[in-house]
Structure formats: structure tokens, C-alpha cells
Amino acid sequence: MKTTMMRVVAFTLVTLPTLASAHSGHDHSAPESGLIHLAWLAPLVIAGAVIFIKRRNNSTDK
């Protein structure tokens, strides 16, 4: 089962287009596009840090 899932994931990643455009103003090959798309990860990093700190504080209180 795990091997099958890994094959599906690998196939999906291989077949994804490397150059994609949603519209003419959304260019993934622009030099600053990487930075702009990384900015979308900031809320996930912040949420992960908050959860980590809360769990760490709860475990030290016990």
C-alpha cells in the first residue's frame, strides 16, 4: 500500500508542469515569484510556531 502511494505521488510530481500561468499577470517564471509565493507560507510557519510553543509550555507545566 505504501509503495503504491509513493508511486502515485512520484508520478504526480513528475507530471506537474514546471511552468504554469493562471493568467497573464501571474507569471511563475518571474524572478520575484519565488519570494512572493514563499510569503504565502508565513502564516503556516507562524501557526506552527504558536502550536509548538503552546505544547511545549503545557508539557513543562505538568
Protein backbone atom coordinates (compact mmCIF):
# COMPACT_ATOMS: atom_id res chain seq x y z
CA MET A 1 0.00 0.00 0.00
CA LYS A 2 2.77 2.42 0.95
CA THR A 3 4.70 1.62 -2.24
CA THR A 4 1.62 2.27 -4.34
CA MET A 5 1.03 5.60 -2.65
CA MET A 6 4.67 6.60 -3.19
CA ARG A 7 4.37 5.73 -6.88
CA VAL A 8 1.22 7.83 -7.21
CA VAL A 9 2.89 10.79 -5.50
CA ALA A 10 6.04 10.42 -7.61
CA PHE A 11 4.01 10.20 -10.83
CA THR A 12 2.00 13.27 -9.87
CA LEU A 13 5.13 15.29 -9.11
CA VAL A 14 6.80 14.23 -12.34
CA THR A 15 3.81 15.12 -14.48
CA LEU A 16 3.18 18.54 -12.93
CA PRO A 17 4.06 21.33 -15.32
CA THR A 18 7.18 23.25 -14.38
CA LEU A 19 5.88 26.44 -15.98
CA ALA A 20 2.32 27.40 -15.09
CA SER A 21 0.34 30.57 -15.53
CA ALA A 22 -3.04 31.31 -14.02
CA HIS A 23 -3.43 34.48 -16.07
CA SER A 24 -1.18 36.87 -17.96
CA GLY A 25 -0.24 38.78 -14.79
CA HIS A 26 0.59 35.62 -12.84
CA ASP A 27 4.00 34.60 -14.15
CA HIS A 28 5.76 31.79 -12.29
CA SER A 29 8.97 32.39 -14.21
CA ALA A 30 9.35 35.96 -12.95
CA PRO A 31 12.43 36.48 -10.74
CA GLU A 32 10.45 37.65 -7.72
CA SER A 33 7.75 34.97 -7.94
CA GLY A 34 9.60 32.65 -5.56
CA LEU A 35 9.71 35.27 -2.84
CA ILE A 36 6.07 36.18 -3.34
CA HIS A 37 4.99 32.54 -3.14
CA LEU A 38 7.15 31.98 -0.05
CA ALA A 39 5.25 34.81 1.63
CA TRP A 40 2.17 32.60 1.48
CA LEU A 41 3.98 30.12 3.75
CA ALA A 42 4.48 32.70 6.51
CA PRO A 43 1.05 32.09 8.11
CA LEU A 44 1.76 28.34 8.22
CA VAL A 45 5.13 28.91 9.87
CA ILE A 46 3.61 31.29 12.42
CA ALA A 47 0.76 28.88 13.20
CA GLY A 48 3.23 26.01 13.58
CA ALA A 49 5.39 28.07 15.93
CA VAL A 50 2.39 29.05 18.06
CA ILE A 51 1.23 25.42 18.33
CA PHE A 52 4.77 24.27 19.16
CA ILE A 53 5.21 26.89 21.89
CA LYS A 54 1.80 26.15 23.41
CA ARG A 55 2.50 22.41 23.51
CA ARG A 56 5.96 22.97 24.97
CA ASN A 57 4.57 25.25 27.68
CA ASN A 58 1.80 22.77 28.52
CA SER A 59 4.28 19.91 28.85
CA THR A 60 6.57 21.88 31.18
CA ASP A 61 3.66 22.92 33.42
CA LYS A 62 2.76 19.30 34.22
